[in-house]
Amino acid sequence: MPPGWDGIETISRLWEVYRPLQVVVCTAYSDYSWEEMRAKLGQPDSLVVLKKPFDNVEVQQLAHALTRKWALNLQATMKMDELERMVHQRTAELEKANMELARSEERFAKAFQISPVAMAIQSLPERRFIDVNERMLQLTGYTREEMVGHLATNLFIWHNPQLVDDWFDALLRNEVVRDQQTEVCDQFGNLHQVLMSVSMVTLSGEPHALVVAQDITERHVLERQFRQPKKWKAIGQLAAGVAHDFNNILTVIQGHAGLIKSQVDSGRAARDSADKIARATHRAASLIRQLLMFSRKQVMKFHHLDLNDSVSNSLAMIGRLVGEDIAIHFTPGAALPSIHADATMIEQVIMNWR
């Protein structure tokens, strides 16, 4: 021991460096009582005091027991340190996973709310609305309070609810439900064409359904508008074909009417009939020109026309088309000058006037 240190001072200094050290004091005389030593050292469970004389075998047994105790304490300390390290590591991993999950949920929530496509989250299996984004509210016309916590069946959102039920049943069977066409009925009774997709998501450990409804109403309108010119083109082609065939028939009728007129004296009934046939075929030829103009296969022919006669001829046909419940009155203009126009186009203008 260094000068000025007694046994108790030495032990206290050793414990400052290494607390688990087991100490055996062998002495015939002690300046300290046990209570004083315990008060000064504060660690009596690691200290044994043997007063001389003592049995060497007992000392060896005591030393062995203390050594074993020290080894066990060391192993326990190392095990606790290892467990504490594992706990810290696992805690750090969980905190990191929770932070990643929180960031992921935050990103999902932002994408969900600002998505230009209508989206909703429904619980399973009761299919109660848990959340809806702004686009879904615009599509349905409901407020968030009117939708969240309620069932779609109670709000009558789906125009064909049985079809939607079948899709949810398929989702529960782990089948893919994507881009299925249906109609959404908004709060005001308007129908919107949508492509609906349903997928499974887990929120707070519970299964939910993410419903995506892409509004394709405008696309349907554009498709119909795109198909309309094709339909009219097909009708025009059909009209052109019919007009050409019918024009050939009229040519034969006009030719035979002319032969009859040339072979019959004026004033006879047969000649009057031939004149009526010729006028009728001329009128039919005019209709054929209208069909050909409708199909854009007829070039306009300009002539000097009496507008009163053109309008009168057109109204005669219109009168047969509009029916008996509508009366048409026409007052010809007095001393109208002739016009340079296509007679068929004049008739088209009158036919299409509202």
Protein backbone atom coordinates (compact mmCIF):
# COMPACT_ATOMS: atom_id res chain seq x y z
CA MET A 1 0.00 0.00 0.00
CA PRO A 2 1.26 3.52 -0.71
CA PRO A 3 2.44 5.55 2.29
CA GLY A 4 -0.43 6.96 4.32
CA TRP A 5 -3.00 4.48 3.00
CA ASP A 6 -4.47 1.83 5.21
CA GLY A 7 -6.38 -1.22 4.01
CA ILE A 8 -9.75 0.52 3.90
CA GLU A 9 -8.35 3.46 1.92
CA THR A 10 -6.71 1.06 -0.53
CA ILE A 11 -9.92 -0.87 -1.05
CA SER A 12 -11.92 2.30 -1.68
CA ARG A 13 -9.35 3.45 -4.25
CA LEU A 14 -9.44 0.05 -5.98
CA TRP A 15 -13.22 0.15 -6.18
CA GLU A 16 -13.06 3.60 -7.75
CA VAL A 17 -11.22 1.95 -10.63
CA TYR A 18 -13.12 -1.37 -10.78
CA ARG A 19 -16.30 -1.74 -8.75
CA PRO A 20 -16.94 -5.51 -9.30
CA LEU A 21 -13.64 -6.44 -7.58
CA GLN A 22 -14.17 -8.95 -4.72
CA VAL A 23 -11.96 -8.21 -1.66
CA VAL A 24 -10.91 -10.43 1.27
CA VAL A 25 -9.18 -8.74 4.20
CA CYS A 26 -7.13 -11.01 6.43
CA THR A 27 -6.15 -9.28 9.68
CA ALA A 28 -5.65 -9.95 13.36
CA TYR A 29 -6.68 -6.43 14.35
CA SER A 30 -8.82 -3.76 12.71
CA ASP A 31 -9.12 -0.09 13.54
CA TYR A 32 -12.63 -0.10 12.09
CA SER A 33 -15.81 -1.82 13.16
CA TRP A 34 -17.96 -3.56 10.55
CA GLU A 35 -20.48 -0.71 10.64
CA GLU A 36 -17.70 1.84 10.11
CA MET A 37 -16.27 -0.13 7.19
CA ARG A 38 -19.72 -0.45 5.60
CA ALA A 39 -20.34 3.26 6.08
CA LYS A 40 -16.97 4.13 4.53
CA LEU A 41 -16.91 1.62 1.66
CA GLY A 42 -20.61 1.28 0.97
CA GLN A 43 -20.25 -2.09 -0.78
CA PRO A 44 -20.17 -4.80 1.92
CA ASP A 45 -21.43 -7.58 -0.40
CA SER A 46 -18.06 -7.50 -2.23
CA LEU A 47 -16.00 -7.48 0.98
CA VAL A 48 -15.14 -10.29 3.40
CA VAL A 49 -13.05 -9.73 6.57
CA LEU A 50 -11.21 -12.72 8.04
CA LYS A 51 -9.60 -12.43 11.43
CA LYS A 52 -6.60 -14.52 12.25
CA PRO A 53 -6.25 -17.35 12.98
CA PHE A 54 -8.32 -18.92 10.17
CA ASP A 55 -8.38 -22.27 8.34
CA ASN A 56 -6.58 -22.25 4.97
CA VAL A 57 -9.13 -24.62 3.44
CA GLU A 58 -11.93 -22.27 4.40
CA VAL A 59 -10.02 -19.39 2.86
CA GLN A 60 -9.58 -21.33 -0.40
CA GLN A 61 -13.26 -22.21 -0.46
CA LEU A 62 -14.15 -18.60 0.22
CA ALA A 63 -11.80 -17.41 -2.50
CA HIS A 64 -13.27 -19.91 -4.94
CA ALA A 65 -16.82 -18.79 -4.09
CA LEU A 66 -15.95 -15.12 -4.46
CA THR A 67 -14.20 -15.80 -7.77
CA ARG A 68 -17.23 -17.66 -9.01
CA LYS A 69 -19.45 -14.83 -7.87
CA TRP A 70 -17.26 -12.32 -9.69
CA ALA A 71 -17.33 -14.41 -12.89
CA LEU A 72 -21.10 -14.74 -12.74
CA ASN A 73 -21.49 -11.03 -12.10
CA LEU A 74 -19.20 -10.33 -15.05
CA GLN A 75 -21.19 -12.65 -17.32
CA ALA A 76 -24.45 -11.11 -16.14
CA THR A 77 -23.09 -7.63 -16.75
CA MET A 78 -21.88 -8.57 -20.22
CA LYS A 79 -25.24 -10.18 -20.98
CA MET A 80 -27.10 -7.12 -19.76
CA ASP A 81 -24.85 -4.91 -21.85
CA GLU A 82 -25.54 -7.10 -24.89
CA LEU A 83 -29.29 -7.07 -24.23
CA GLU A 84 -29.22 -3.32 -23.73
CA ARG A 85 -27.32 -2.92 -27.00
CA MET A 86 -29.84 -5.12 -28.80
CA VAL A 87 -32.72 -3.17 -27.26
CA HIS A 88 -31.15 0.11 -28.35
CA GLN A 89 -30.56 -1.25 -31.84
CA ARG A 90 -34.08 -2.63 -32.12
CA THR A 91 -35.51 0.59 -30.75
CA ALA A 92 -33.54 2.59 -33.31
CA GLU A 93 -34.76 0.28 -36.10
CA LEU A 94 -38.36 0.62 -34.94
CA GLU A 95 -38.05 4.38 -34.69
CA LYS A 96 -36.59 4.49 -38.20
CA ALA A 97 -39.36 2.21 -39.51
CA ASN A 98 -41.99 4.34 -37.79
CA MET A 99 -40.48 7.49 -39.26
CA GLU A 100 -40.44 5.90 -42.74
CA LEU A 101 -44.02 4.76 -42.25
CA ALA A 102 -45.06 8.22 -41.07
CA ARG A 103 -43.36 9.82 -44.09
CA SER A 104 -44.94 7.25 -46.38
CA GLU A 105 -48.40 7.86 -44.90
CA GLU A 106 -47.84 11.60 -45.18
CA ARG A 107 -46.87 11.27 -48.85
CA PHE A 108 -49.87 9.01 -49.47
CA ALA A 109 -52.19 11.45 -47.70
CA LYS A 110 -50.90 14.37 -49.77
CA ALA A 111 -51.13 12.42 -53.03
CA PHE A 112 -54.59 11.16 -52.02
CA GLN A 113 -55.95 14.63 -51.29
CA ILE A 114 -54.50 16.49 -54.31
CA SER A 115 -55.07 13.71 -56.84
CA PRO A 116 -56.99 14.88 -59.94
CA VAL A 117 -58.71 11.48 -59.93
CA ALA A 118 -61.62 10.80 -57.55
CA MET A 119 -60.47 8.53 -54.70
CA ALA A 120 -62.04 7.11 -51.55
CA ILE A 121 -61.05 4.73 -48.75
CA GLN A 122 -63.70 2.30 -47.52
CA SER A 123 -63.57 -0.11 -44.61
CA LEU A 124 -63.97 -3.83 -45.20
CA PRO A 125 -66.22 -5.70 -45.23
CA GLU A 126 -68.97 -3.14 -44.38
CA ARG A 127 -67.58 -0.65 -46.98
CA ARG A 128 -68.10 2.49 -44.93
CA PHE A 129 -66.33 5.61 -46.23
CA ILE A 130 -63.26 6.37 -44.10
CA ASP A 131 -61.91 9.23 -46.22
CA VAL A 132 -62.57 10.87 -49.58
CA ASN A 133 -60.51 13.35 -51.57
CA GLU A 134 -61.65 16.66 -53.01
CA ARG A 135 -62.16 15.28 -56.52
CA MET A 136 -64.54 12.59 -55.20
CA LEU A 137 -66.57 15.31 -53.47
CA GLN A 138 -66.76 17.24 -56.75
CA LEU A 139 -67.79 14.11 -58.64
CA THR A 140 -70.57 13.13 -56.23
CA GLY A 141 -71.70 16.59 -55.16
CA TYR A 142 -71.64 15.63 -51.46
CA THR A 143 -69.72 17.26 -48.62
CA ARG A 144 -67.08 15.41 -46.61
CA GLU A 145 -69.41 15.23 -43.62
CA GLU A 146 -72.14 13.68 -45.78
CA MET A 147 -69.82 10.93 -47.06
CA VAL A 148 -67.32 10.02 -44.31
CA GLY A 149 -68.81 7.42 -41.99
CA HIS A 150 -71.64 6.52 -44.38
CA LEU A 151 -72.24 3.68 -46.84
CA ALA A 152 -72.26 4.20 -50.59
CA THR A 153 -75.57 2.31 -50.80
CA ASN A 154 -77.21 4.83 -48.47
CA LEU A 155 -75.99 7.69 -50.65
CA PHE A 156 -77.08 5.95 -53.91
CA ILE A 157 -73.75 6.81 -55.54
CA TRP A 158 -73.46 3.79 -57.82
CA HIS A 159 -75.94 3.63 -60.69
CA ASN A 160 -75.47 -0.16 -60.81
CA PRO A 161 -74.75 -1.19 -57.18
CA GLN A 162 -74.93 -4.93 -57.93
CA LEU A 163 -72.03 -4.59 -60.35
CA VAL A 164 -69.97 -2.78 -57.70
CA ASP A 165 -70.85 -5.49 -55.14
CA ASP A 166 -69.47 -8.10 -57.53
CA TRP A 167 -66.21 -6.16 -57.82
CA PHE A 168 -65.80 -5.93 -54.04
CA ASP A 169 -66.46 -9.66 -53.75
CA ALA A 170 -63.75 -10.24 -56.36
CA LEU A 171 -61.39 -8.01 -54.36
CA LEU A 172 -61.96 -10.13 -51.23
CA ARG A 173 -61.01 -13.16 -53.34
CA ASN A 174 -57.69 -11.39 -54.13
CA GLU A 175 -58.72 -10.82 -57.73
CA VAL A 176 -57.65 -7.72 -59.67
CA VAL A 177 -60.35 -5.08 -60.16
CA ARG A 178 -59.06 -2.42 -62.55
CA ASP A 179 -60.56 0.01 -65.08
CA GLN A 180 -64.09 -1.33 -64.82
CA GLN A 181 -66.64 0.92 -66.49
CA THR A 182 -69.68 2.04 -64.52
CA GLU A 183 -71.70 5.16 -63.75
CA VAL A 184 -71.66 7.43 -60.70
CA CYS A 185 -74.88 9.20 -59.77
CA ASP A 186 -74.20 12.54 -58.08
CA GLN A 187 -76.36 14.23 -55.48
CA PHE A 188 -78.35 16.03 -58.18
CA GLY A 189 -79.17 12.88 -60.17
CA ASN A 190 -76.59 13.44 -62.94
CA LEU A 191 -74.78 10.38 -64.26
CA HIS A 192 -71.02 10.37 -64.81
CA GLN A 193 -69.19 7.72 -66.78
CA VAL A 194 -66.18 6.44 -64.77
CA LEU A 195 -63.47 3.81 -64.94
CA MET A 196 -63.35 2.23 -61.47
CA SER A 197 -60.42 0.42 -59.86
CA VAL A 198 -60.42 -1.16 -56.39
CA SER A 199 -57.33 -2.32 -54.50
CA MET A 200 -56.62 -3.59 -50.98
CA VAL A 201 -54.73 -1.37 -48.51
CA THR A 202 -53.92 -1.81 -44.80
CA LEU A 203 -54.51 1.09 -42.43
CA SER A 204 -53.84 0.78 -38.69
CA GLY A 205 -53.52 -2.96 -39.17
CA GLU A 206 -57.02 -3.30 -40.65
CA PRO A 207 -57.93 -4.11 -44.30
CA HIS A 208 -59.48 -1.31 -46.35
CA ALA A 209 -60.39 -0.75 -49.98
CA LEU A 210 -58.91 2.09 -52.03
CA VAL A 211 -61.49 3.09 -54.66
CA VAL A 212 -60.32 5.07 -57.70
CA ALA A 213 -62.98 6.47 -60.05
CA GLN A 214 -61.64 8.16 -63.19
CA ASP A 215 -64.27 10.45 -64.71
CA ILE A 216 -64.42 9.78 -68.47
CA THR A 217 -67.68 11.62 -69.19
CA GLU A 218 -65.98 14.27 -71.33
CA ARG A 219 -64.04 11.57 -73.17
CA HIS A 220 -67.30 9.80 -73.96
CA VAL A 221 -68.73 13.04 -75.34
CA LEU A 222 -65.64 13.58 -77.50
CA GLU A 223 -65.79 10.00 -78.73
CA ARG A 224 -69.43 10.44 -79.72
CA GLN A 225 -68.54 13.69 -81.47
CA PHE A 226 -65.70 11.92 -83.23
CA ARG A 227 -67.96 9.06 -84.31
CA GLN A 228 -70.67 11.44 -85.54
CA PRO A 229 -68.77 12.64 -88.65
CA LYS A 230 -67.97 9.03 -89.53
CA LYS A 231 -71.64 8.17 -89.25
CA TRP A 232 -72.63 11.07 -91.45
CA LYS A 233 -69.94 10.13 -93.91
CA ALA A 234 -71.33 6.60 -94.10
CA ILE A 235 -74.85 7.98 -94.54
CA GLY A 236 -73.56 10.31 -97.25
CA GLN A 237 -71.91 7.42 -99.07
CA LEU A 238 -75.14 5.44 -98.86
CA ALA A 239 -77.16 8.43 -100.06
CA ALA A 240 -74.77 8.93 -102.97
CA GLY A 241 -75.11 5.30 -104.02
CA VAL A 242 -78.91 5.39 -103.78
CA ALA A 243 -79.03 8.72 -105.61
CA HIS A 244 -76.95 7.48 -108.55
CA ASP A 245 -79.07 4.34 -108.94
CA PHE A 246 -82.31 6.27 -108.63
CA ASN A 247 -81.05 8.88 -111.10
CA ASN A 248 -80.57 6.14 -113.68
CA ILE A 249 -84.20 5.07 -113.16
CA LEU A 250 -85.39 8.67 -113.54
CA THR A 251 -83.46 9.01 -116.78
CA VAL A 252 -85.40 6.09 -118.22
CA ILE A 253 -88.72 7.56 -117.01
CA GLN A 254 -87.91 11.00 -118.43
CA GLY A 255 -86.93 9.47 -121.78
CA HIS A 256 -90.17 7.53 -122.10
CA ALA A 257 -92.23 10.56 -120.99
CA GLY A 258 -90.59 12.57 -123.77
CA LEU A 259 -91.38 9.85 -126.35
CA ILE A 260 -95.02 9.79 -125.26
CA LYS A 261 -95.31 13.58 -125.56
CA SER A 262 -93.78 13.51 -129.06
CA GLN A 263 -96.23 10.86 -130.27
CA VAL A 264 -99.43 12.28 -128.75
CA ASP A 265 -101.29 15.35 -130.05
CA SER A 266 -101.62 18.32 -127.73
CA GLY A 267 -104.86 18.54 -125.83
CA ARG A 268 -105.26 14.86 -125.31
CA ALA A 269 -105.29 13.32 -121.81
CA ALA A 270 -102.27 11.11 -122.54
CA ARG A 271 -100.15 14.17 -123.29
CA ASP A 272 -101.22 15.78 -119.99
CA SER A 273 -100.21 12.62 -118.17
CA ALA A 274 -96.86 12.67 -119.94
CA ASP A 275 -96.37 16.31 -118.83
CA LYS A 276 -97.14 15.37 -115.20
CA ILE A 277 -94.69 12.46 -115.41
CA ALA A 278 -92.00 14.78 -116.78
CA ARG A 279 -92.61 17.37 -114.02
CA ALA A 280 -92.54 14.63 -111.36
CA THR A 281 -89.28 13.22 -112.67
CA HIS A 282 -87.83 16.74 -112.76
CA ARG A 283 -88.85 17.17 -109.13
CA ALA A 284 -87.37 13.77 -108.28
CA ALA A 285 -84.15 14.74 -110.07
CA SER A 286 -84.01 17.83 -107.85
CA LEU A 287 -84.29 15.63 -104.76
CA ILE A 288 -81.51 13.46 -106.13
CA ARG A 289 -79.32 16.54 -106.46
CA GLN A 290 -80.04 17.34 -102.82
CA LEU A 291 -78.93 13.87 -101.80
CA LEU A 292 -75.78 14.19 -103.86
CA MET A 293 -75.05 17.60 -102.35
CA PHE A 294 -75.62 16.11 -98.91
CA SER A 295 -72.98 13.50 -99.74
CA ARG A 296 -70.80 16.26 -101.29
CA LYS A 297 -70.73 14.51 -104.63
CA GLN A 298 -72.76 17.07 -106.62
CA VAL A 299 -71.44 20.35 -107.99
CA MET A 300 -73.79 23.30 -107.56
CA LYS A 301 -75.44 24.60 -110.76
CA PHE A 302 -76.31 28.28 -110.81
CA HIS A 303 -79.24 29.55 -112.88
CA HIS A 304 -81.44 32.61 -113.05
CA LEU A 305 -84.36 31.66 -110.83
CA ASP A 306 -87.72 33.05 -109.81
CA LEU A 307 -87.47 32.98 -106.01
CA ASN A 308 -91.26 32.77 -105.63
CA ASP A 309 -91.38 29.60 -107.73
CA SER A 310 -88.43 28.02 -105.85
CA VAL A 311 -89.99 28.74 -102.46
CA SER A 312 -93.43 27.55 -103.58
CA ASN A 313 -92.01 24.27 -104.88
CA SER A 314 -90.08 23.71 -101.67
CA LEU A 315 -93.07 24.44 -99.44
CA ALA A 316 -95.14 21.91 -101.34
CA MET A 317 -92.75 19.19 -100.26
CA ILE A 318 -92.35 20.59 -96.75
CA GLY A 319 -96.10 20.54 -96.29
CA ARG A 320 -96.10 16.79 -96.80
CA LEU A 321 -93.23 16.34 -94.37
CA VAL A 322 -94.40 18.38 -91.38
CA GLY A 323 -97.80 16.70 -91.12
CA GLU A 324 -101.41 17.83 -91.04
CA ASP A 325 -101.20 19.50 -87.61
CA ILE A 326 -98.95 22.29 -88.93
CA ALA A 327 -100.20 24.90 -91.43
CA ILE A 328 -97.78 26.74 -93.72
CA HIS A 329 -98.76 30.10 -95.23
CA PHE A 330 -96.71 31.63 -98.03
CA THR A 331 -97.24 35.05 -99.59
CA PRO A 332 -95.20 35.53 -102.82
CA GLY A 333 -93.42 38.82 -103.24
CA ALA A 334 -94.64 41.14 -105.98
CA ALA A 335 -92.35 41.85 -108.94
CA LEU A 336 -89.29 40.17 -107.48
CA PRO A 337 -86.20 40.24 -109.69
CA SER A 338 -84.68 36.93 -110.66
CA ILE A 339 -81.72 35.63 -108.68
CA HIS A 340 -78.61 33.75 -109.75
CA ALA A 341 -78.47 30.66 -107.52
CA ASP A 342 -78.67 26.91 -107.30
CA ALA A 343 -82.30 25.82 -106.97
CA THR A 344 -81.41 22.83 -104.86
CA MET A 345 -79.48 25.01 -102.39
CA ILE A 346 -82.50 27.32 -102.06
CA GLU A 347 -84.58 24.29 -101.16
CA GLN A 348 -81.95 23.17 -98.65
CA VAL A 349 -82.04 26.57 -96.96
CA ILE A 350 -85.84 26.42 -96.62
CA MET A 351 -85.77 22.79 -95.42
CA ASN A 352 -83.21 23.57 -92.71
CA TRP A 353 -84.70 26.84 -91.49
CA ARG A 354 -86.02 26.83 -87.91
